[in-house]
């Protein structure tokens, strides 16, 4: 019985170590900018092949939603975000969905499932939601 507990704890330790390594690999090359400063420019390739460059949207209200297909909160947010896009896009508000930590097929399935019509793509390179964690910067 004692060796079973030791085996379980050993497996859990290995799993948490692997998760730590995975998160560490997601570390950005830059940290979030100080509050009130613009976020660094980025280019996102959308699922339909088009690209969006943040600097091209300067002067507009831009909301960036980082999401994953397995994220419960993301699933709950999807209908509200789609409503916001349908309601405010004609006023010049831009919503960009950035998928993280998913295979392309899984991400596309969620885009279809939730009827997301706002621009969505998969993150690439060094930037991701971990780059922006706790950032309260305004997009300029």
Protein backbone atom coordinates (compact mmCIF):
# COMPACT_ATOMS: atom_id res chain seq x y z
CA UNK A 1 0.00 0.00 0.00
CA UNK A 2 2.82 2.38 0.87
CA UNK A 3 4.60 1.73 -2.43
CA UNK A 4 1.36 2.50 -4.32
CA UNK A 5 1.17 5.92 -2.67
CA UNK A 6 4.82 6.54 -3.50
CA UNK A 7 4.18 5.53 -7.13
CA UNK A 8 1.17 7.85 -7.39
CA UNK A 9 3.13 10.78 -5.93
CA UNK A 10 6.01 10.04 -8.28
CA UNK A 11 3.73 10.08 -11.31
CA UNK A 12 2.10 13.33 -10.16
CA UNK A 13 5.52 14.88 -9.65
CA UNK A 14 6.56 13.94 -13.19
CA UNK A 15 3.29 15.29 -14.64
CA UNK A 16 3.67 18.63 -12.85
CA UNK A 17 7.31 18.86 -13.89
CA UNK A 18 6.32 18.31 -17.52
CA UNK A 19 3.61 20.96 -17.25
CA UNK A 20 6.14 23.36 -15.79
CA UNK A 21 8.51 22.73 -18.68
CA UNK A 22 5.69 23.27 -21.20
CA UNK A 23 4.70 26.58 -19.60
CA UNK A 24 8.34 27.69 -19.40
CA UNK A 25 8.71 27.12 -23.16
CA UNK A 26 5.78 29.48 -23.72
CA UNK A 27 7.66 32.32 -22.02
CA UNK A 28 7.69 35.38 -24.22
CA UNK A 29 10.77 37.10 -25.57
CA UNK A 30 9.36 40.32 -24.14
CA UNK A 31 7.26 41.09 -21.10
CA UNK A 32 3.95 42.91 -20.99
CA UNK A 33 4.37 46.66 -21.41
CA UNK A 34 3.74 48.95 -18.44
CA UNK A 35 0.16 50.12 -17.98
CA UNK A 36 -0.73 52.93 -20.36
CA UNK A 37 1.90 51.94 -22.93
CA UNK A 38 1.03 50.40 -26.30
CA UNK A 39 1.47 46.68 -26.71
CA UNK A 40 4.16 45.50 -29.13
CA UNK A 41 3.10 45.09 -32.74
CA UNK A 42 2.32 41.62 -34.02
CA UNK A 43 1.01 39.93 -37.14
CA UNK A 44 -1.51 37.12 -36.94
CA UNK A 45 -2.27 34.73 -39.79
CA UNK A 46 -5.98 34.01 -39.73
CA UNK A 47 -7.51 30.62 -40.39
CA UNK A 48 -8.73 31.85 -43.78
CA UNK A 49 -5.16 32.77 -44.81
CA UNK A 50 -5.46 36.56 -44.43
CA UNK A 51 -3.18 38.39 -42.02
CA UNK A 52 -3.92 41.02 -39.41
CA UNK A 53 -1.22 43.39 -38.21
CA UNK A 54 -1.94 45.24 -34.98
CA UNK A 55 -0.23 48.43 -36.14
CA UNK A 56 -2.62 48.60 -39.10
CA UNK A 57 -5.46 49.01 -36.59
CA UNK A 58 -3.92 51.99 -34.78
CA UNK A 59 -6.58 54.44 -33.62
CA UNK A 60 -9.34 51.82 -33.50
CA UNK A 61 -10.74 49.99 -30.49
CA UNK A 62 -9.21 46.51 -30.59
CA UNK A 63 -10.09 43.61 -28.30
CA UNK A 64 -7.91 40.50 -28.42
CA UNK A 65 -9.38 37.28 -27.12
CA UNK A 66 -6.96 34.44 -26.37
CA UNK A 67 -8.82 31.14 -26.37
CA UNK A 68 -8.43 27.35 -26.52
CA UNK A 69 -10.88 24.67 -27.63
CA UNK A 70 -10.73 22.90 -24.26
CA UNK A 71 -11.15 26.07 -22.17
CA UNK A 72 -14.49 26.08 -20.34
CA UNK A 73 -14.50 29.87 -19.81
CA UNK A 74 -13.71 30.36 -23.51
CA UNK A 75 -16.74 28.26 -24.43
CA UNK A 76 -18.92 30.42 -22.18
CA UNK A 77 -17.49 33.65 -23.63
CA UNK A 78 -17.95 32.67 -27.27
CA UNK A 79 -21.63 33.63 -27.68
CA UNK A 80 -21.06 36.99 -25.94
CA UNK A 81 -18.02 37.77 -28.08
CA UNK A 82 -19.87 36.85 -31.26
CA UNK A 83 -22.75 39.12 -30.19
CA UNK A 84 -20.29 41.96 -29.47
CA UNK A 85 -18.70 41.50 -32.89
CA UNK A 86 -22.06 41.52 -34.66
CA UNK A 87 -23.19 44.56 -32.66
CA UNK A 88 -20.10 46.76 -32.67
CA UNK A 89 -18.01 45.85 -35.73
CA UNK A 90 -20.00 48.28 -37.87
CA UNK A 91 -18.87 51.01 -35.44
CA UNK A 92 -15.21 50.23 -36.16
CA UNK A 93 -14.56 48.02 -33.13
CA UNK A 94 -12.20 45.15 -33.95
CA UNK A 95 -12.27 41.77 -32.20
CA UNK A 96 -9.46 39.34 -32.90
CA UNK A 97 -9.51 35.76 -31.64
CA UNK A 98 -6.13 34.16 -31.00
CA UNK A 99 -6.13 30.40 -30.48
CA UNK A 100 -3.42 28.99 -28.22
CA UNK A 101 -2.30 25.49 -27.33
CA UNK A 102 -4.52 23.71 -29.86
CA UNK A 103 -4.05 21.74 -33.01
CA UNK A 104 -5.35 23.64 -36.05
CA UNK A 105 -8.12 21.07 -36.62
CA UNK A 106 -9.38 21.39 -33.03
CA UNK A 107 -9.36 25.18 -33.23
CA UNK A 108 -11.21 25.24 -36.55
CA UNK A 109 -13.82 22.85 -35.17
CA UNK A 110 -14.54 25.29 -32.33
CA UNK A 111 -14.71 28.25 -34.71
CA UNK A 112 -17.35 26.37 -36.71
CA UNK A 113 -19.17 25.06 -33.62
CA UNK A 114 -19.61 28.54 -32.15
CA UNK A 115 -20.18 30.29 -35.47
CA UNK A 116 -17.32 32.72 -34.90
CA UNK A 117 -17.35 35.24 -37.73
CA UNK A 118 -14.81 37.64 -36.25
CA UNK A 119 -11.17 37.21 -37.34
CA UNK A 120 -9.52 34.20 -35.69
CA UNK A 121 -6.10 32.64 -36.07
CA UNK A 122 -3.51 30.59 -34.21
CA UNK A 123 -0.70 32.26 -32.36
CA UNK A 124 2.76 31.79 -33.74
CA UNK A 125 6.24 32.76 -32.73
CA UNK A 126 7.11 33.97 -29.28
CA UNK A 127 3.95 35.90 -28.44
CA UNK A 128 0.94 34.32 -26.79
CA UNK A 129 -1.43 34.94 -23.93
CA UNK A 130 1.46 34.41 -21.52
CA UNK A 131 3.10 37.44 -23.11
CA UNK A 132 0.14 39.56 -22.09
CA UNK A 133 -0.72 38.05 -18.73
CA UNK A 134 -2.01 40.65 -16.31
CA UNK A 135 -1.30 43.41 -18.81
CA UNK A 136 -3.71 46.30 -18.55
CA UNK A 137 -2.23 48.27 -21.42
CA UNK A 138 -4.33 50.22 -23.85
CA UNK A 139 -3.98 49.34 -27.50
CA UNK A 140 -3.03 52.46 -29.42
